Amino acid sequence: MTTASFDIEIALTDHLLELLKREQGSLVKVDVDALEGLLSEKARILQDLNTSTQARFKAVSALGFNADEQGLATWLARQDAPLQQSWNHFQSLLTQAKELNRVNGILITKHFARNQQALDTLGRPPAASQFYGPNGQASTGSGLYNTLLKHISLIKNRDSPVFYWLTPACTPYSNIPPT
């Protein structure tokens, strides 16, 4: 960090914002395939942001400041206006990313609740008197009901792609410094 700049962090956060917007579109369309692809891309961007943050802390520490947010703030207070503006721009992008992530989390929660409700409804055993076998006698289930239960048990597998996209892999943005 010989030349002080937040260009890398700004570029990474711009890319993260683009991914979060695409994620939101995929959530609205319920495009599971697109969501799966976005997860690994988001994880890579967040890792790059974390690496950049650690490098920044190391650089301010080498200048005699604490290797944390407070040390960075103290160092920033002594810098020129363009660098402070760059930092403020970076912080505003992080705020936007946090808000998009919050909204995406709400969408994911709604999808999950709807799917869980459907699974619960399908998984509820019918009353014994609701179905009758071919001989006219009441039965405890139907072929359709038992088939549905078998498929539900496959879907409920947490390794299934159906549930994979419902898990926000990178929330909250613990690797992004607080504003």
C-alpha atoms as a PDB file:
ATOM      1  CA  MET A   1       0.000   0.000   0.000  1.00  0.00           C
ATOM      2  CA  THR A   2       2.667   2.457  -1.041  1.00  0.00           C
ATOM      3  CA  THR A   3       0.166   4.682  -2.785  1.00  0.00           C
ATOM      4  CA  ALA A   4      -2.823   5.175  -0.542  1.00  0.00           C
ATOM      5  CA  SER A   5      -6.036   4.391  -2.383  1.00  0.00           C
ATOM      6  CA  PHE A   6      -9.285   2.549  -1.929  1.00  0.00           C
ATOM      7  CA  ASP A   7      -9.682   1.771  -5.636  1.00  0.00           C
ATOM      8  CA  ILE A   8      -9.383  -1.984  -5.119  1.00  0.00           C
ATOM      9  CA  GLU A   9     -12.023  -2.037  -2.383  1.00  0.00           C
ATOM     10  CA  ILE A  10     -14.315   0.188  -4.450  1.00  0.00           C
ATOM     11  CA  ALA A  11     -13.972  -2.074  -7.505  1.00  0.00           C
ATOM     12  CA  LEU A  12     -14.629  -5.187  -5.418  1.00  0.00           C
ATOM     13  CA  THR A  13     -17.663  -3.616  -3.767  1.00  0.00           C
ATOM     14  CA  ASP A  14     -19.017  -2.464  -7.146  1.00  0.00           C
ATOM     15  CA  HIS A  15     -18.739  -6.075  -8.329  1.00  0.00           C
ATOM     16  CA  LEU A  16     -20.431  -7.286  -5.136  1.00  0.00           C
ATOM     17  CA  LEU A  17     -23.296  -4.835  -5.709  1.00  0.00           C
ATOM     18  CA  GLU A  18     -23.740  -6.164  -9.242  1.00  0.00           C
ATOM     19  CA  LEU A  19     -23.830  -9.736  -7.896  1.00  0.00           C
ATOM     20  CA  LEU A  20     -26.369  -8.814  -5.216  1.00  0.00           C
ATOM     21  CA  LYS A  21     -28.606  -7.183  -7.831  1.00  0.00           C
ATOM     22  CA  ARG A  22     -28.360 -10.292 -10.012  1.00  0.00           C
ATOM     23  CA  GLU A  23     -29.076 -12.420  -6.958  1.00  0.00           C
ATOM     24  CA  GLN A  24     -32.175 -10.366  -6.239  1.00  0.00           C
ATOM     25  CA  GLY A  25     -33.392 -10.812  -9.817  1.00  0.00           C
ATOM     26  CA  SER A  26     -32.788 -14.551  -9.570  1.00  0.00           C
ATOM     27  CA  LEU A  27     -34.649 -14.709  -6.263  1.00  0.00           C
ATOM     28  CA  VAL A  28     -37.630 -12.913  -7.772  1.00  0.00           C
ATOM     29  CA  LYS A  29     -37.616 -15.292 -10.778  1.00  0.00           C
ATOM     30  CA  VAL A  30     -36.812 -18.292  -8.536  1.00  0.00           C
ATOM     31  CA  ASP A  31     -33.903 -19.146 -10.843  1.00  0.00           C
ATOM     32  CA  VAL A  32     -32.121 -21.742  -8.705  1.00  0.00           C
ATOM     33  CA  ASP A  33     -29.372 -22.440 -11.250  1.00  0.00           C
ATOM     34  CA  ALA A  34     -28.362 -18.776 -11.437  1.00  0.00           C
ATOM     35  CA  LEU A  35     -28.390 -18.499  -7.645  1.00  0.00           C
ATOM     36  CA  GLU A  36     -26.059 -21.456  -7.231  1.00  0.00           C
ATOM     37  CA  GLY A  37     -23.547 -19.841  -9.582  1.00  0.00           C
ATOM     38  CA  LEU A  38     -23.702 -16.538  -7.738  1.00  0.00           C
ATOM     39  CA  LEU A  39     -22.864 -18.082  -4.358  1.00  0.00           C
ATOM     40  CA  SER A  40     -19.301 -19.024  -5.235  1.00  0.00           C
ATOM     41  CA  GLU A  41     -18.729 -15.694  -6.974  1.00  0.00           C
ATOM     42  CA  LYS A  42     -19.982 -13.813  -3.891  1.00  0.00           C
ATOM     43  CA  ALA A  43     -17.748 -15.886  -1.623  1.00  0.00           C
ATOM     44  CA  ARG A  44     -14.703 -15.061  -3.767  1.00  0.00           C
ATOM     45  CA  ILE A  45     -15.474 -11.316  -3.739  1.00  0.00           C
ATOM     46  CA  LEU A  46     -15.963 -11.331   0.034  1.00  0.00           C
ATOM     47  CA  GLN A  47     -12.687 -13.193   0.494  1.00  0.00           C
ATOM     48  CA  ASP A  48     -10.925 -10.629  -1.714  1.00  0.00           C
ATOM     49  CA  LEU A  49     -12.452  -7.799   0.351  1.00  0.00           C
ATOM     50  CA  ASN A  50     -11.264  -9.483   3.538  1.00  0.00           C
ATOM     51  CA  THR A  51      -7.754  -9.905   2.120  1.00  0.00           C
ATOM     52  CA  SER A  52      -7.703  -6.246   1.091  1.00  0.00           C
ATOM     53  CA  THR A  53      -8.894  -5.170   4.540  1.00  0.00           C
ATOM     54  CA  GLN A  54      -6.164  -7.198   6.237  1.00  0.00           C
ATOM     55  CA  ALA A  55      -3.527  -5.695   3.900  1.00  0.00           C
ATOM     56  CA  ARG A  56      -4.838  -2.206   4.666  1.00  0.00           C
ATOM     57  CA  PHE A  57      -4.631  -2.831   8.426  1.00  0.00           C
ATOM     58  CA  LYS A  58      -1.096  -4.183   8.043  1.00  0.00           C
ATOM     59  CA  ALA A  59      -0.082  -1.083   6.053  1.00  0.00           C
ATOM     60  CA  VAL A  60      -1.445   1.397   8.623  1.00  0.00           C
ATOM     61  CA  SER A  61       0.181  -0.660  11.373  1.00  0.00           C
ATOM     62  CA  ALA A  62       3.535  -0.312   9.580  1.00  0.00           C
ATOM     63  CA  LEU A  63       2.981   3.465   9.726  1.00  0.00           C
ATOM     64  CA  GLY A  64       2.594   3.321  13.512  1.00  0.00           C
ATOM     65  CA  PHE A  65      -1.218   3.133  13.816  1.00  0.00           C
ATOM     66  CA  ASN A  66      -3.346   0.383  15.330  1.00  0.00           C
ATOM     67  CA  ALA A  67      -4.137  -2.445  12.916  1.00  0.00           C
ATOM     68  CA  ASP A  68      -7.895  -1.997  13.283  1.00  0.00           C
ATOM     69  CA  GLU A  69     -10.776   0.322  12.336  1.00  0.00           C
ATOM     70  CA  GLN A  70      -9.767   2.885  14.952  1.00  0.00           C
ATOM     71  CA  GLY A  71      -6.172   2.942  13.687  1.00  0.00           C
ATOM     72  CA  LEU A  72      -7.419   3.301  10.125  1.00  0.00           C
ATOM     73  CA  ALA A  73      -9.728   6.169  11.162  1.00  0.00           C
ATOM     74  CA  THR A  74      -6.849   7.946  12.898  1.00  0.00           C
ATOM     75  CA  TRP A  75      -4.650   7.494   9.815  1.00  0.00           C
ATOM     76  CA  LEU A  76      -7.462   8.674   7.503  1.00  0.00           C
ATOM     77  CA  ALA A  77      -8.004  11.836   9.558  1.00  0.00           C
ATOM     78  CA  ARG A  78      -4.435  12.851   8.665  1.00  0.00           C
ATOM     79  CA  GLN A  79      -4.848  12.275   4.926  1.00  0.00           C
ATOM     80  CA  ASP A  80      -5.854  14.670   2.152  1.00  0.00           C
ATOM     81  CA  ALA A  81      -9.447  15.290   1.074  1.00  0.00           C
ATOM     82  CA  PRO A  82      -9.396  13.115  -2.088  1.00  0.00           C
ATOM     83  CA  LEU A  83      -8.389  10.040  -0.093  1.00  0.00           C
ATOM     84  CA  GLN A  84     -11.041  10.757   2.540  1.00  0.00           C
ATOM     85  CA  GLN A  85     -13.618  11.146  -0.252  1.00  0.00           C
ATOM     86  CA  SER A  86     -12.505   7.822  -1.699  1.00  0.00           C
ATOM     87  CA  TRP A  87     -13.007   6.213   1.714  1.00  0.00           C
ATOM     88  CA  ASN A  88     -16.441   7.800   2.065  1.00  0.00           C
ATOM     89  CA  HIS A  89     -17.405   6.508  -1.389  1.00  0.00           C
ATOM     90  CA  PHE A  90     -16.260   3.019  -0.391  1.00  0.00           C
ATOM     91  CA  GLN A  91     -18.327   3.253   2.795  1.00  0.00           C
ATOM     92  CA  SER A  92     -21.438   4.350   0.860  1.00  0.00           C
ATOM     93  CA  LEU A  93     -21.036   1.349  -1.468  1.00  0.00           C
ATOM     94  CA  LEU A  94     -20.802  -0.944   1.564  1.00  0.00           C
ATOM     95  CA  THR A  95     -24.017   0.572   2.928  1.00  0.00           C
ATOM     96  CA  GLN A  96     -25.748  -0.174  -0.386  1.00  0.00           C
ATOM     97  CA  ALA A  97     -24.407  -3.748  -0.354  1.00  0.00           C
ATOM     98  CA  LYS A  98     -25.659  -4.299   3.199  1.00  0.00           C
ATOM     99  CA  GLU A  99     -29.131  -3.035   2.250  1.00  0.00           C
ATOM    100  CA  LEU A 100     -29.317  -5.227  -0.870  1.00  0.00           C
ATOM    101  CA  ASN A 101     -28.181  -8.181   1.207  1.00  0.00           C
ATOM    102  CA  ARG A 102     -30.869  -7.413   3.799  1.00  0.00           C
ATOM    103  CA  VAL A 103     -33.579  -7.325   1.118  1.00  0.00           C
ATOM    104  CA  ASN A 104     -32.252 -10.538  -0.470  1.00  0.00           C
ATOM    105  CA  GLY A 105     -32.335 -12.158   2.953  1.00  0.00           C
ATOM    106  CA  ILE A 106     -36.012 -11.224   3.274  1.00  0.00           C
ATOM    107  CA  LEU A 107     -36.736 -12.769  -0.131  1.00  0.00           C
ATOM    108  CA  ILE A 108     -34.850 -15.935   0.821  1.00  0.00           C
ATOM    109  CA  THR A 109     -36.764 -16.156   4.103  1.00  0.00           C
ATOM    110  CA  LYS A 110     -40.084 -15.803   2.264  1.00  0.00           C
ATOM    111  CA  HIS A 111     -39.135 -18.514  -0.248  1.00  0.00           C
ATOM    112  CA  PHE A 112     -38.020 -20.782   2.556  1.00  0.00           C
ATOM    113  CA  ALA A 113     -41.238 -20.228   4.543  1.00  0.00           C
ATOM    114  CA  ARG A 114     -43.375 -20.911   1.464  1.00  0.00           C
ATOM    115  CA  ASN A 115     -41.434 -24.080   0.648  1.00  0.00           C
ATOM    116  CA  GLN A 116     -41.565 -25.245   4.254  1.00  0.00           C
ATOM    117  CA  GLN A 117     -45.315 -24.643   4.377  1.00  0.00           C
ATOM    118  CA  ALA A 118     -45.785 -26.685   1.192  1.00  0.00           C
ATOM    119  CA  LEU A 119     -43.597 -29.475   2.570  1.00  0.00           C
ATOM    120  CA  ASP A 120     -45.478 -29.432   5.859  1.00  0.00           C
ATOM    121  CA  THR A 121     -48.804 -29.598   4.038  1.00  0.00           C
ATOM    122  CA  LEU A 122     -47.662 -32.464   1.827  1.00  0.00           C
ATOM    123  CA  GLY A 123     -46.088 -34.268   4.762  1.00  0.00           C
ATOM    124  CA  ARG A 124     -49.190 -34.169   6.948  1.00  0.00           C
ATOM    125  CA  PRO A 125     -50.757 -37.633   7.073  1.00  0.00           C
ATOM    126  CA  PRO A 126     -54.419 -37.759   6.062  1.00  0.00           C
ATOM    127  CA  ALA A 127     -57.080 -38.873   8.459  1.00  0.00           C
ATOM    128  CA  ALA A 128     -57.711 -42.638   8.153  1.00  0.00           C
ATOM    129  CA  SER A 129     -61.265 -42.117   6.927  1.00  0.00           C
ATOM    130  CA  GLN A 130     -60.248 -39.809   4.060  1.00  0.00           C
ATOM    131  CA  PHE A 131     -59.068 -42.540   1.671  1.00  0.00           C
ATOM    132  CA  TYR A 132     -60.660 -45.775   0.606  1.00  0.00           C
ATOM    133  CA  GLY A 133     -58.902 -48.719  -0.947  1.00  0.00           C
ATOM    134  CA  PRO A 134     -60.057 -50.564  -4.073  1.00  0.00           C
ATOM    135  CA  ASN A 135     -62.167 -52.847  -1.887  1.00  0.00           C
ATOM    136  CA  GLY A 136     -64.120 -49.882  -0.479  1.00  0.00           C
ATOM    137  CA  GLN A 137     -62.523 -50.147   2.943  1.00  0.00           C
ATOM    138  CA  ALA A 138     -60.939 -47.103   4.625  1.00  0.00           C
ATOM    139  CA  SER A 139     -57.171 -47.043   4.328  1.00  0.00           C
ATOM    140  CA  THR A 140     -54.510 -45.062   6.167  1.00  0.00           C
ATOM    141  CA  GLY A 141     -52.993 -43.604   3.029  1.00  0.00           C
ATOM    142  CA  SER A 142     -53.057 -43.625  -0.721  1.00  0.00           C
ATOM    143  CA  GLY A 143     -50.505 -44.553  -3.310  1.00  0.00           C
ATOM    144  CA  LEU A 144     -50.231 -40.865  -4.248  1.00  0.00           C
ATOM    145  CA  TYR A 145     -49.735 -39.823  -0.637  1.00  0.00           C
ATOM    146  CA  ASN A 146     -47.009 -42.437  -0.062  1.00  0.00           C
ATOM    147  CA  THR A 147     -45.282 -41.455  -3.315  1.00  0.00           C
ATOM    148  CA  LEU A 148     -45.354 -37.800  -2.277  1.00  0.00           C
ATOM    149  CA  LEU A 149     -43.852 -38.668   1.103  1.00  0.00           C
ATOM    150  CA  LYS A 150     -41.004 -40.521  -0.623  1.00  0.00           C
ATOM    151  CA  HIS A 151     -40.273 -37.496  -2.834  1.00  0.00           C
ATOM    152  CA  ILE A 152     -40.539 -35.080   0.083  1.00  0.00           C
ATOM    153  CA  SER A 153     -37.930 -37.041   2.017  1.00  0.00           C
ATOM    154  CA  LEU A 154     -35.585 -36.650  -0.959  1.00  0.00           C
ATOM    155  CA  ILE A 155     -36.297 -32.916  -1.214  1.00  0.00           C
ATOM    156  CA  LYS A 156     -35.849 -32.367   2.517  1.00  0.00           C
ATOM    157  CA  ASN A 157     -32.249 -33.523   2.166  1.00  0.00           C
ATOM    158  CA  ARG A 158     -30.260 -30.367   2.988  1.00  0.00           C
ATOM    159  CA  ASP A 159     -27.697 -31.272   0.310  1.00  0.00           C
ATOM    160  CA  SER A 160     -30.397 -30.993  -2.328  1.00  0.00           C
ATOM    161  CA  PRO A 161     -30.157 -28.054  -4.761  1.00  0.00           C
ATOM    162  CA  VAL A 162     -33.724 -27.156  -3.751  1.00  0.00           C
ATOM    163  CA  PHE A 163     -32.513 -26.100  -0.316  1.00  0.00           C
ATOM    164  CA  TYR A 164     -28.955 -25.136  -1.279  1.00  0.00           C
ATOM    165  CA  TRP A 165     -29.989 -21.808  -2.783  1.00  0.00           C
ATOM    166  CA  LEU A 166     -32.145 -20.963   0.197  1.00  0.00           C
ATOM    167  CA  THR A 167     -29.115 -20.679   2.451  1.00  0.00           C
ATOM    168  CA  PRO A 168     -27.429 -17.270   2.257  1.00  0.00           C
ATOM    169  CA  ALA A 169     -23.810 -18.281   2.108  1.00  0.00           C
ATOM    170  CA  CYS A 170     -22.307 -14.898   2.827  1.00  0.00           C
ATOM    171  CA  THR A 171     -24.535 -13.212   5.316  1.00  0.00           C
ATOM    172  CA  PRO A 172     -24.073 -11.091   7.206  1.00  0.00           C
ATOM    173  CA  TYR A 173     -21.133  -9.388   5.572  1.00  0.00           C
ATOM    174  CA  SER A 174     -18.840 -10.177   8.453  1.00  0.00           C
ATOM    175  CA  ASN A 175     -15.788  -9.587   6.261  1.00  0.00           C
ATOM    176  CA  ILE A 176     -16.824  -6.051   5.351  1.00  0.00           C
ATOM    177  CA  PRO A 177     -15.644  -3.457   7.866  1.00  0.00           C
ATOM    178  CA  PRO A 178     -18.474  -1.705   9.739  1.00  0.00           C
ATOM    179  CA  THR A 179     -19.485   1.759   8.592  1.00  0.00           C
END
